[in-house]
Amino acid sequence: MPLPTLTRPTWRRSRVATAMSTAVLMASGPLLLAPSAGASPAGPLSRTATSTVPVPAAPATVPSGIEDLARYVPANSCDPHAKPGTTAVGDLLKATYGSFYGIDRTCGTDPLPTSEHYDGRALDYFLDVHVARQRAEAQALIAWLLADDAQGRPYANARRLGVMYLIWNNRIWGAYRASEGWRPYSSCATRTSSAYDTTCHRDHIHISLSWEGAMKRTSYWTGRVAGTDYGPCREAGLNWAAPYTTARATPCPSYPRVSAPAGASSLTRTLTTYSGMVLRQGDSGPVVRAVQQAVGTTPDGAFGPITEAALKGWQGTHGVAASGVVDGDTWRALLAANAPARTAAPPARPTHLELTRYRSRTLRVGSHGAAVAALQRRLAMRPAGGSFGRRTRARVRTFQVNHHLAADGVVGPSTWRALGA
């Protein structure tokens, strides 16, 4: 099934960004392969080529402390609006090198489930490894980010900006695995065709930021060392978190991903995959279309006033606050309302076949014969003489109490079923 998309404000367009907007950008940490040499991926350059390349300006105020290397905090929400720190990094690079950058990305357009672009905390800065000057600029930028500071602390500028990982020219560097240096990115080392230049990040450098970096709270901008921010957390039973609202100093609880139940329709699978994604007026795309289909309005993929009114009506009839916003409670109600219908369970097979011949009979005090003897054997009574007296009635009553039946001491249809007949 094709991945649905959610359209929100798109990238800052340039002629390069426009050309790339239909390309697949695989820019997420989980596609990491085995470690390799820690050398820069920019390729060999002469000393003359790099010595004249500028680097970004130093921080205005440098505190005595410095941030730890960024932890890996993967994307888990859909709020693809450029965050202030991400924009600031893009503007810093643009002021230094004059190229262009892109941040916003429509949710669901990557081959991976999530991307920091969906959080607004990743940027693609457009430098081409095939162009000598741009290759030199990329190498100079990477060297500046990963160099020691005056106190000998490694990766100083990357730490002060909150860089979580970089991808450039077939390789990836992660702050959370810094001791391993640059590692192969996906299978790009063998994909030398220019058709893979975007996928393998040969025509742009990808920079993913920590949440503290994306929110412009790190020491490069503030002069104060920022603590780790773990960002928004998804709720149990939903696959996406709500958009970022405030800093979080502790890791999110770990919940298993939610899968559609067996026999689910394509609509239910789509709703399950994107459950938790907050939708409101102004959003568009196939996820909106799925919600429109579920609430019974025209599935045109555009969340406007008509969709909001239909959603409010649906929420009101399904016990959800009629907010007109697809929030966590609404997602839970949508999943419940679109769950596959359960088929009736087949009748239970008898577990005590010797009793089946007697299940149409009613036994009570005074009954006798083979049916009573079979009942007594089932109740582990010894001897099983075949006469239903007070002792047998007491044993039947005990059985009925233990099986939440009317304890009348009479063996009728419900008691026979409980006995396994």
Protein backbone atom coordinates (compact mmCIF):
# COMPACT_ATOMS: atom_id res chain seq x y z
CA MET A 1 0.00 0.00 0.00
CA PRO A 2 1.50 3.39 -0.89
CA LEU A 3 2.40 5.52 2.08
CA PRO A 4 -0.18 8.24 2.69
CA THR A 5 0.98 11.83 2.85
CA LEU A 6 -0.03 14.81 4.88
CA THR A 7 0.49 18.15 3.22
CA ARG A 8 1.45 21.13 5.32
CA PRO A 9 3.63 24.17 4.49
CA THR A 10 6.39 22.88 2.23
CA TRP A 11 10.11 23.51 1.86
CA ARG A 12 11.61 26.91 1.28
CA ARG A 13 11.90 26.50 -2.46
CA SER A 14 14.93 27.11 -4.60
CA ARG A 15 15.71 25.84 -8.05
CA VAL A 16 17.65 23.01 -6.42
CA ALA A 17 15.01 22.28 -3.79
CA THR A 18 12.27 22.24 -6.41
CA ALA A 19 14.17 19.69 -8.46
CA MET A 20 14.65 17.54 -5.38
CA SER A 21 11.12 17.71 -4.03
CA THR A 22 10.01 14.57 -5.87
CA ALA A 23 13.10 12.59 -4.97
CA VAL A 24 13.32 10.06 -2.17
CA LEU A 25 15.43 11.42 0.68
CA MET A 26 16.47 8.62 3.00
CA ALA A 27 17.63 10.60 5.99
CA SER A 28 16.98 8.67 9.18
CA GLY A 29 19.29 7.00 11.68
CA PRO A 30 18.05 3.38 11.52
CA LEU A 31 19.54 2.78 8.03
CA LEU A 32 23.07 2.46 9.41
CA LEU A 33 25.43 -0.28 8.35
CA ALA A 34 28.71 -1.57 9.70
CA PRO A 35 31.39 0.83 10.97
CA SER A 36 34.16 1.97 8.64
CA ALA A 37 37.09 4.30 8.76
CA GLY A 38 36.44 7.61 10.46
CA ALA A 39 37.75 9.78 7.65
CA SER A 40 35.64 12.60 6.25
CA PRO A 41 33.41 11.48 3.36
CA ALA A 42 34.00 14.61 1.32
CA GLY A 43 36.79 13.08 -0.75
CA PRO A 44 40.40 14.20 -1.36
CA LEU A 45 40.99 17.91 -1.76
CA SER A 46 44.17 19.90 -2.09
CA ARG A 47 45.30 22.16 0.74
CA THR A 48 44.87 25.12 -1.60
CA ALA A 49 41.26 24.19 -2.34
CA THR A 50 40.29 24.12 1.36
CA SER A 51 42.42 26.94 2.76
CA THR A 52 40.38 29.61 0.99
CA VAL A 53 36.97 28.21 1.93
CA PRO A 54 35.20 30.12 4.70
CA VAL A 55 33.63 28.51 7.76
CA PRO A 56 30.65 29.72 9.78
CA ALA A 57 31.12 32.42 12.36
CA ALA A 58 32.11 31.47 15.89
CA PRO A 59 29.50 31.74 18.65
CA ALA A 60 29.09 35.25 20.00
CA THR A 61 29.42 34.00 23.59
CA VAL A 62 31.19 30.81 24.56
CA PRO A 63 30.47 29.50 28.07
CA SER A 64 33.04 27.47 29.96
CA GLY A 65 30.87 24.37 29.70
CA ILE A 66 29.68 22.55 26.60
CA GLU A 67 26.79 20.27 25.67
CA ASP A 68 27.21 16.51 25.69
CA LEU A 69 27.14 14.80 22.32
CA ALA A 70 23.51 14.62 21.20
CA ARG A 71 21.59 11.45 21.96
CA TYR A 72 19.63 9.74 19.21
CA VAL A 73 16.01 10.84 19.68
CA PRO A 74 14.14 9.72 16.56
CA ALA A 75 11.23 11.59 15.02
CA ASN A 76 7.82 10.49 16.24
CA SER A 77 5.46 13.38 15.46
CA CYS A 78 4.10 15.20 12.44
CA ASP A 79 4.68 18.94 12.72
CA PRO A 80 6.76 19.75 9.62
CA HIS A 81 7.18 23.44 10.32
CA ALA A 82 10.73 24.74 10.55
CA LYS A 83 11.81 25.05 14.17
CA PRO A 84 13.77 28.18 15.15
CA GLY A 85 17.12 26.47 15.67
CA THR A 86 16.85 24.56 12.40
CA THR A 87 16.14 27.78 10.51
CA ALA A 88 19.02 29.50 12.31
CA VAL A 89 21.46 26.77 11.24
CA GLY A 90 20.21 26.99 7.65
CA ASP A 91 20.59 30.78 7.64
CA LEU A 92 24.08 30.48 9.14
CA LEU A 93 25.18 28.15 6.34
CA LYS A 94 23.50 30.26 3.68
CA ALA A 95 25.30 33.36 4.96
CA THR A 96 28.59 31.46 4.83
CA TYR A 97 28.31 29.62 1.52
CA GLY A 98 25.40 31.25 -0.32
CA SER A 99 23.55 28.06 -1.24
CA PHE A 100 20.01 27.01 -0.31
CA TYR A 101 18.43 24.71 2.23
CA GLY A 102 15.16 22.86 2.82
CA ILE A 103 13.51 21.90 6.11
CA ASP A 104 9.79 21.15 5.85
CA ARG A 105 8.69 17.81 4.43
CA THR A 106 5.18 16.42 3.96
CA CYS A 107 4.64 13.60 6.45
CA GLY A 108 4.60 10.14 4.89
CA THR A 109 6.73 10.91 1.83
CA ASP A 110 9.87 9.09 3.00
CA PRO A 111 10.37 5.35 2.54
CA LEU A 112 11.13 5.18 6.26
CA PRO A 113 8.32 5.54 8.82
CA THR A 114 9.66 8.80 10.24
CA SER A 115 12.11 11.60 9.49
CA GLU A 116 13.34 14.54 11.54
CA HIS A 117 12.09 16.65 8.61
CA TYR A 118 8.59 15.76 9.89
CA ASP A 119 9.52 17.43 13.19
CA GLY A 120 11.01 20.48 11.50
CA ARG A 121 14.39 19.67 13.05
CA ALA A 122 16.33 18.49 9.99
CA LEU A 123 17.66 20.49 7.07
CA ASP A 124 19.14 19.62 3.71
CA TYR A 125 21.84 22.06 2.64
CA PHE A 126 22.48 21.84 -1.08
CA LEU A 127 26.11 21.21 -1.92
CA ASP A 128 27.13 18.94 -4.79
CA VAL A 129 30.09 16.59 -4.36
CA HIS A 130 30.69 16.69 -8.14
CA VAL A 131 31.37 20.44 -8.04
CA ALA A 132 34.87 21.11 -6.68
CA ARG A 133 34.03 24.35 -4.90
CA GLN A 134 30.91 22.90 -3.27
CA ARG A 135 32.80 19.76 -2.29
CA ALA A 136 35.40 21.97 -0.62
CA GLU A 137 32.68 23.88 1.19
CA ALA A 138 31.15 20.66 2.50
CA GLN A 139 34.54 19.48 3.73
CA ALA A 140 35.24 22.81 5.40
CA LEU A 141 31.82 22.79 7.08
CA ILE A 142 32.25 19.23 8.36
CA ALA A 143 35.75 19.98 9.64
CA TRP A 144 34.42 23.06 11.45
CA LEU A 145 31.58 21.11 13.05
CA LEU A 146 33.75 18.22 14.27
CA ALA A 147 36.94 20.05 15.24
CA ASP A 148 38.22 20.36 18.83
CA ASP A 149 37.71 23.67 20.59
CA ALA A 150 40.44 25.65 22.36
CA GLN A 151 40.07 23.41 25.41
CA GLY A 152 40.58 20.29 23.31
CA ARG A 153 36.94 19.17 23.45
CA PRO A 154 36.05 17.24 20.27
CA TYR A 155 33.10 17.94 17.97
CA ALA A 156 32.73 21.32 19.67
CA ASN A 157 30.56 23.21 17.19
CA ALA A 158 28.39 20.16 16.49
CA ARG A 159 27.76 19.92 20.24
CA ARG A 160 27.04 23.64 20.62
CA LEU A 161 24.55 23.51 17.73
CA GLY A 162 22.92 20.24 18.83
CA VAL A 163 23.84 18.23 15.74
CA MET A 164 22.48 14.69 16.13
CA TYR A 165 23.78 13.27 12.85
CA LEU A 166 25.12 14.24 9.43
CA ILE A 167 24.76 12.43 6.10
CA TRP A 168 26.97 13.37 3.15
CA ASN A 169 28.47 11.60 0.16
CA ASN A 170 27.47 7.98 0.93
CA ARG A 171 28.27 8.16 4.65
CA ILE A 172 26.79 9.07 8.01
CA TRP A 173 28.26 10.48 11.21
CA GLY A 174 26.23 10.21 14.40
CA ALA A 175 26.93 12.10 17.60
CA TYR A 176 25.49 9.11 19.48
CA ARG A 177 28.14 6.85 17.83
CA ALA A 178 30.89 9.41 17.43
CA SER A 179 33.69 7.00 18.37
CA GLU A 180 32.93 5.01 15.19
CA GLY A 181 33.55 8.00 12.92
CA TRP A 182 31.98 8.09 9.46
CA ARG A 183 30.12 4.91 8.52
CA PRO A 184 28.61 3.64 5.27
CA TYR A 185 25.11 4.98 4.63
CA SER A 186 22.75 2.29 3.36
CA SER A 187 24.19 0.60 0.23
CA CYS A 188 25.39 3.87 -1.30
CA ALA A 189 29.02 2.83 -1.70
CA THR A 190 27.98 0.55 -4.58
CA ARG A 191 25.35 2.89 -6.06
CA THR A 192 27.59 5.15 -8.07
CA SER A 193 25.02 6.15 -10.69
CA SER A 194 23.99 9.80 -10.64
CA ALA A 195 20.42 8.54 -10.26
CA TYR A 196 21.30 7.88 -6.61
CA ASP A 197 22.93 11.25 -5.92
CA THR A 198 19.98 12.47 -3.87
CA THR A 199 19.31 9.17 -2.08
CA CYS A 200 22.98 8.89 -1.17
CA HIS A 201 23.34 12.57 -0.23
CA ARG A 202 25.88 13.46 -2.87
CA ASP A 203 23.99 16.62 -3.89
CA HIS A 204 23.16 17.84 -0.39
CA ILE A 205 24.29 17.43 3.19
CA HIS A 206 21.63 16.34 5.68
CA ILE A 207 21.78 17.74 9.22
CA SER A 208 19.45 16.39 11.92
CA LEU A 209 19.32 18.30 15.19
CA SER A 210 18.48 17.38 18.75
CA TRP A 211 15.32 18.96 20.13
CA GLU A 212 17.37 21.43 22.17
CA GLY A 213 19.23 22.36 18.98
CA ALA A 214 16.05 22.60 16.92
CA MET A 215 14.45 24.88 19.51
CA LYS A 216 17.54 27.15 19.52
CA ARG A 217 18.36 26.59 23.19
CA THR A 218 21.97 25.44 22.77
CA SER A 219 25.03 27.42 23.79
CA TYR A 220 25.95 28.47 20.24
CA TRP A 221 22.88 30.73 20.29
CA THR A 222 22.29 31.43 23.99
CA GLY A 223 25.70 31.31 25.63
CA ARG A 224 24.27 28.76 28.10
CA VAL A 225 24.72 25.00 28.02
CA ALA A 226 21.41 23.26 27.23
CA GLY A 227 20.22 20.03 28.80
CA THR A 228 18.90 17.08 26.78
CA ASP A 229 15.36 17.52 25.47
CA TYR A 230 13.58 14.28 24.57
CA GLY A 231 10.68 16.01 22.80
CA PRO A 232 7.07 14.79 22.53
CA CYS A 233 6.02 11.28 23.49
CA ARG A 234 3.45 9.12 21.76
CA GLU A 235 0.64 7.57 23.74
CA ALA A 236 0.16 3.85 24.23
CA GLY A 237 -2.02 2.44 21.48
CA LEU A 238 -1.12 5.15 18.93
CA ASN A 239 1.78 5.34 16.48
CA TRP A 240 2.44 9.11 16.39
CA ALA A 241 3.03 11.70 19.07
CA ALA A 242 1.28 15.04 19.23
CA PRO A 243 3.37 18.04 18.07
CA TYR A 244 6.10 19.45 20.30
CA THR A 245 4.88 21.82 23.02
CA THR A 246 7.48 21.86 25.78
CA ALA A 247 10.89 20.51 26.72
CA ARG A 248 11.07 17.06 28.29
CA ALA A 249 14.09 16.13 30.42
CA THR A 250 13.35 12.39 30.68
CA PRO A 251 13.07 9.72 27.97
CA CYS A 252 9.64 8.78 26.64
CA PRO A 253 8.00 5.53 27.77
CA SER A 254 8.53 2.70 25.33
CA TYR A 255 5.38 1.29 23.71
CA PRO A 256 5.14 -1.31 20.92
CA ARG A 257 4.09 -0.10 17.50
CA VAL A 258 0.42 -0.62 16.72
CA SER A 259 -0.50 -2.89 13.82
CA ALA A 260 -3.85 -3.25 12.11
CA PRO A 261 -5.72 -6.41 13.12
CA ALA A 262 -6.04 -9.36 10.79
CA GLY A 263 -8.68 -8.84 8.15
CA ALA A 264 -8.50 -5.04 8.39
CA SER A 265 -9.56 -2.97 5.39
CA SER A 266 -7.15 -0.64 3.61
CA LEU A 267 -8.89 2.26 5.38
CA THR A 268 -8.29 0.70 8.79
CA ARG A 269 -4.65 -0.02 7.91
CA THR A 270 -4.13 3.61 6.93
CA LEU A 271 -5.83 4.86 10.10
CA THR A 272 -3.72 2.50 12.22
CA THR A 273 -0.44 3.47 10.56
CA TYR A 274 -0.98 7.18 11.16
CA SER A 275 -2.92 6.99 14.42
CA GLY A 276 -1.99 9.82 16.75
CA MET A 277 -1.12 12.30 13.98
CA VAL A 278 -2.91 15.52 14.92
CA LEU A 279 -5.00 16.88 12.02
CA ARG A 280 -6.93 20.12 11.76
CA GLN A 281 -8.16 22.69 9.26
CA GLY A 282 -5.48 23.47 6.67
CA ASP A 283 -4.06 19.96 6.47
CA SER A 284 -4.41 17.85 3.36
CA GLY A 285 -3.35 14.56 1.80
CA PRO A 286 -4.32 10.89 1.91
CA VAL A 287 -4.37 10.73 5.72
CA VAL A 288 -6.98 13.50 5.74
CA ARG A 289 -8.80 11.60 2.98
CA ALA A 290 -8.90 8.48 5.15
CA VAL A 291 -10.35 10.41 8.09
CA GLN A 292 -12.93 12.01 5.79
CA GLN A 293 -13.94 8.57 4.56
CA ALA A 294 -14.23 7.34 8.14
CA VAL A 295 -16.43 10.23 9.29
CA GLY A 296 -18.64 10.16 6.22
CA THR A 297 -17.77 13.31 4.32
CA THR A 298 -16.44 13.84 0.79
CA PRO A 299 -12.94 12.30 0.71
CA ASP A 300 -11.19 15.05 -1.26
CA GLY A 301 -8.07 15.14 0.93
CA ALA A 302 -8.52 18.78 1.97
CA PHE A 303 -9.35 19.54 5.61
CA GLY A 304 -11.67 22.56 5.39
CA PRO A 305 -14.79 23.85 7.18
CA ILE A 306 -17.02 21.09 5.77
CA THR A 307 -14.66 18.40 7.03
CA GLU A 308 -14.43 20.11 10.40
CA ALA A 309 -18.22 20.19 10.72
CA ALA A 310 -18.51 16.52 9.70
CA LEU A 311 -15.79 15.58 12.17
CA LYS A 312 -17.51 17.46 15.01
CA GLY A 313 -20.74 15.61 14.26
CA TRP A 314 -18.94 12.26 14.21
CA GLN A 315 -17.11 13.05 17.44
CA GLY A 316 -20.37 13.97 19.16
CA THR A 317 -21.99 10.64 18.26
CA HIS A 318 -18.95 8.61 19.31
CA GLY A 319 -18.42 10.00 22.78
CA VAL A 320 -15.52 12.32 21.87
CA ALA A 321 -15.29 16.04 22.59
CA ALA A 322 -16.50 17.81 19.43
CA SER A 323 -13.31 19.83 18.89
CA GLY A 324 -13.06 19.47 15.11
CA VAL A 325 -9.44 18.33 15.60
CA VAL A 326 -8.29 14.75 15.08
CA ASP A 327 -6.60 14.20 18.44
CA GLY A 328 -5.68 11.12 20.46
CA ASP A 329 -9.21 10.42 21.72
CA THR A 330 -10.58 10.79 18.19
CA TRP A 331 -7.97 8.38 16.83
CA ARG A 332 -8.93 5.77 19.43
CA ALA A 333 -12.58 6.15 18.51
CA LEU A 334 -11.76 5.93 14.78
CA LEU A 335 -9.79 2.72 15.29
CA ALA A 336 -12.55 1.18 17.38
CA ALA A 337 -15.27 2.15 14.90
CA ASN A 338 -13.35 0.72 11.96
CA ALA A 339 -12.07 -2.47 13.55
CA PRO A 340 -12.92 -5.64 11.60
CA ALA A 341 -16.22 -7.23 12.65
CA ARG A 342 -15.68 -10.20 14.89
CA THR A 343 -17.17 -13.44 13.65
CA ALA A 344 -19.18 -15.49 16.11
CA ALA A 345 -17.10 -18.16 17.80
CA PRO A 346 -18.03 -21.70 16.72
CA PRO A 347 -19.87 -23.78 19.32
CA ALA A 348 -17.51 -25.33 21.79
CA ARG A 349 -16.81 -28.98 21.13
CA PRO A 350 -17.78 -31.34 23.98
CA THR A 351 -14.89 -32.15 26.27
CA HIS A 352 -16.55 -35.12 27.97
CA LEU A 353 -18.02 -37.14 25.16
CA GLU A 354 -19.59 -39.76 27.44
CA LEU A 355 -21.97 -37.06 28.72
CA THR A 356 -23.23 -35.88 25.31
CA ARG A 357 -25.89 -38.61 25.08
CA TYR A 358 -27.46 -37.40 28.30
CA ARG A 359 -27.40 -33.58 27.85
CA SER A 360 -31.10 -33.46 26.90
CA ARG A 361 -32.12 -35.10 30.18
CA THR A 362 -32.79 -33.37 33.49
CA LEU A 363 -31.39 -35.06 36.60
CA ARG A 364 -32.39 -34.36 40.18
CA VAL A 365 -32.83 -36.16 43.51
CA GLY A 366 -34.60 -39.44 42.78
CA SER A 367 -33.12 -39.91 39.29
CA HIS A 368 -31.16 -43.09 38.64
CA GLY A 369 -29.49 -45.08 35.91
CA ALA A 370 -26.56 -44.71 33.48
CA ALA A 371 -26.92 -40.92 33.13
CA VAL A 372 -26.56 -40.45 36.90
CA ALA A 373 -23.57 -42.80 36.98
CA ALA A 374 -21.88 -40.78 34.18
CA LEU A 375 -22.60 -37.56 36.10
CA GLN A 376 -21.10 -39.00 39.27
CA ARG A 377 -17.96 -40.12 37.43
CA ARG A 378 -17.61 -36.59 35.96
CA LEU A 379 -17.87 -35.18 39.49
CA ALA A 380 -15.23 -37.68 40.71
CA MET A 381 -17.66 -39.33 43.09
CA ARG A 382 -16.82 -42.79 44.36
CA PRO A 383 -18.65 -45.05 44.10
CA ALA A 384 -20.66 -43.99 41.03
CA GLY A 385 -23.67 -46.15 41.82
CA GLY A 386 -26.17 -44.41 39.55
CA SER A 387 -28.57 -43.15 42.26
CA PHE A 388 -29.10 -39.33 42.60
CA GLY A 389 -29.38 -38.68 46.34
CA ARG A 390 -28.53 -35.86 48.76
CA ARG A 391 -24.79 -36.48 48.45
CA THR A 392 -24.95 -36.15 44.64
CA ARG A 393 -27.13 -33.04 44.96
CA ALA A 394 -24.56 -31.42 47.30
CA ARG A 395 -21.76 -32.18 44.84
CA VAL A 396 -23.81 -30.72 41.94
CA ARG A 397 -24.51 -27.55 43.95
CA THR A 398 -20.80 -27.08 44.67
CA PHE A 399 -20.04 -27.48 40.97
CA GLN A 400 -22.75 -24.95 40.06
CA VAL A 401 -21.43 -22.36 42.54
CA ASN A 402 -17.89 -22.75 41.19
CA HIS A 403 -19.20 -22.21 37.64
CA HIS A 404 -21.45 -19.24 38.47
CA LEU A 405 -24.66 -21.18 37.85
CA ALA A 406 -27.89 -21.20 39.82
CA ALA A 407 -27.08 -23.61 42.66
CA ASP A 408 -30.35 -25.54 42.63
CA GLY A 409 -28.81 -29.00 42.58
CA VAL A 410 -30.64 -29.85 39.34
CA VAL A 411 -28.66 -30.85 36.24
CA GLY A 412 -30.22 -29.08 33.27
CA PRO A 413 -28.88 -27.69 29.94
CA SER A 414 -26.57 -25.01 31.45
CA THR A 415 -25.07 -27.42 33.95
CA TRP A 416 -24.56 -30.08 31.29
CA ARG A 417 -22.69 -27.46 29.12
CA ALA A 418 -20.50 -26.51 32.07
CA LEU A 419 -19.81 -30.19 32.65
CA GLY A 420 -18.55 -30.44 29.06
CA ALA A 421 -21.43 -32.39 27.55
